[in-house]
Protein backbone atom coordinates (compact mmCIF):
# COMPACT_ATOMS: atom_id res chain seq x y z
CA MET A 1 4.31 6.68 2.16
CA GLU A 2 7.21 9.06 1.77
CA LEU A 3 7.92 11.55 4.54
CA ASP A 4 9.83 14.80 4.28
CA ARG A 5 11.88 13.96 7.41
CA PRO A 6 12.84 10.96 9.56
CA VAL A 7 9.81 9.11 10.88
CA ASP A 8 10.58 9.85 14.55
CA SER A 9 10.72 13.59 13.77
CA TRP A 10 7.52 13.39 11.74
CA ILE A 11 5.68 11.62 14.59
CA SER A 12 7.00 14.08 17.18
CA ASP A 13 5.93 17.06 15.07
CA ALA A 14 2.50 15.55 14.38
CA MET A 15 1.96 14.87 18.07
CA GLN A 16 2.81 18.47 18.97
CA GLU A 17 0.62 19.94 16.24
CA THR A 18 -2.42 17.94 17.32
CA ARG A 19 -1.64 18.12 21.05
CA SER A 20 -1.82 14.34 21.15
CA THR A 21 -0.22 12.07 23.70
CA TRP A 22 0.99 8.49 23.66
CA ALA A 23 -0.90 5.79 25.52
CA ASP A 24 1.10 2.75 26.50
CA VAL A 25 -0.36 -0.70 26.00
CA THR A 26 -0.27 -1.89 29.59
CA ALA A 27 -0.84 -5.43 30.81
CA PRO A 28 -4.41 -4.58 31.94
CA ILE A 29 -5.18 -3.07 28.51
CA ALA A 30 -3.75 -6.13 26.75
CA ALA A 31 -5.87 -8.38 28.97
CA LEU A 32 -9.00 -6.29 28.37
CA SER A 33 -8.46 -6.50 24.61
CA ASN A 34 -8.95 -10.25 24.92
CA GLN A 35 -11.95 -9.98 27.24
CA LEU A 36 -14.12 -7.49 25.35
CA PRO A 37 -17.79 -8.39 25.52
CA GLY A 38 -19.79 -9.86 22.64
CA GLY A 39 -19.16 -9.09 19.03
CA ALA A 40 -15.86 -7.22 19.36
CA PRO A 41 -13.87 -6.78 16.14
CA ARG A 42 -11.60 -9.72 15.32
CA ASP A 43 -8.61 -7.56 14.37
CA PRO A 44 -6.19 -7.61 17.34
CA ALA A 45 -5.08 -4.01 16.69
CA ASP A 46 -8.70 -2.80 16.74
CA ARG A 47 -9.27 -4.69 19.98
CA ILE A 48 -6.23 -3.03 21.59
CA ILE A 49 -7.41 0.39 20.41
CA ILE A 50 -10.90 -0.21 21.84
CA ALA A 51 -9.51 -1.56 25.12
CA THR A 52 -7.24 1.47 25.42
CA SER A 53 -10.14 3.88 24.92
CA ILE A 54 -12.21 2.05 27.53
CA ALA A 55 -9.34 1.94 30.04
CA LEU A 56 -8.55 5.63 29.58
CA GLY A 57 -12.18 6.72 29.44
CA CYS A 58 -11.83 8.48 26.12
CA ALA A 59 -13.74 8.27 22.87
CA LEU A 60 -12.33 7.05 19.57
CA ALA A 61 -12.41 9.34 16.56
CA THR A 62 -12.64 6.77 13.79
CA PRO A 63 -14.37 6.19 10.49
CA ASP A 64 -13.97 2.41 10.99
CA ARG A 65 -17.51 1.05 10.62
CA GLU A 66 -16.80 -2.11 12.64
CA MET A 67 -15.55 -0.10 15.63
CA ILE A 68 -18.44 2.38 15.36
CA GLU A 69 -20.99 -0.43 15.33
CA TYR A 70 -19.42 -2.21 18.32
CA PRO A 71 -21.71 -1.09 21.17
CA PHE A 72 -19.00 -1.08 23.84
CA ALA A 73 -16.58 1.20 21.94
CA PRO A 74 -17.01 4.86 22.83
CA THR A 75 -16.75 6.46 19.37
CA VAL A 76 -17.26 9.90 17.89
CA TRP A 77 -17.16 10.78 14.21
């Protein structure tokens, strides 16, 4: 992917435009990603994303079928 500006500027601008915020991967989130109940996706990044949404009490906006079908992931889309 080619960007029209440095990546840190692009990310900052994108975050402002969408009114998004960063969520740190804390030790409890990392631990939860390895303790998700039955049938969680095998991809470690997906597990961290799901654990973060659970820990923060927010839904995931994703088209990822595996995350949508995981019954413990709060998803919207």
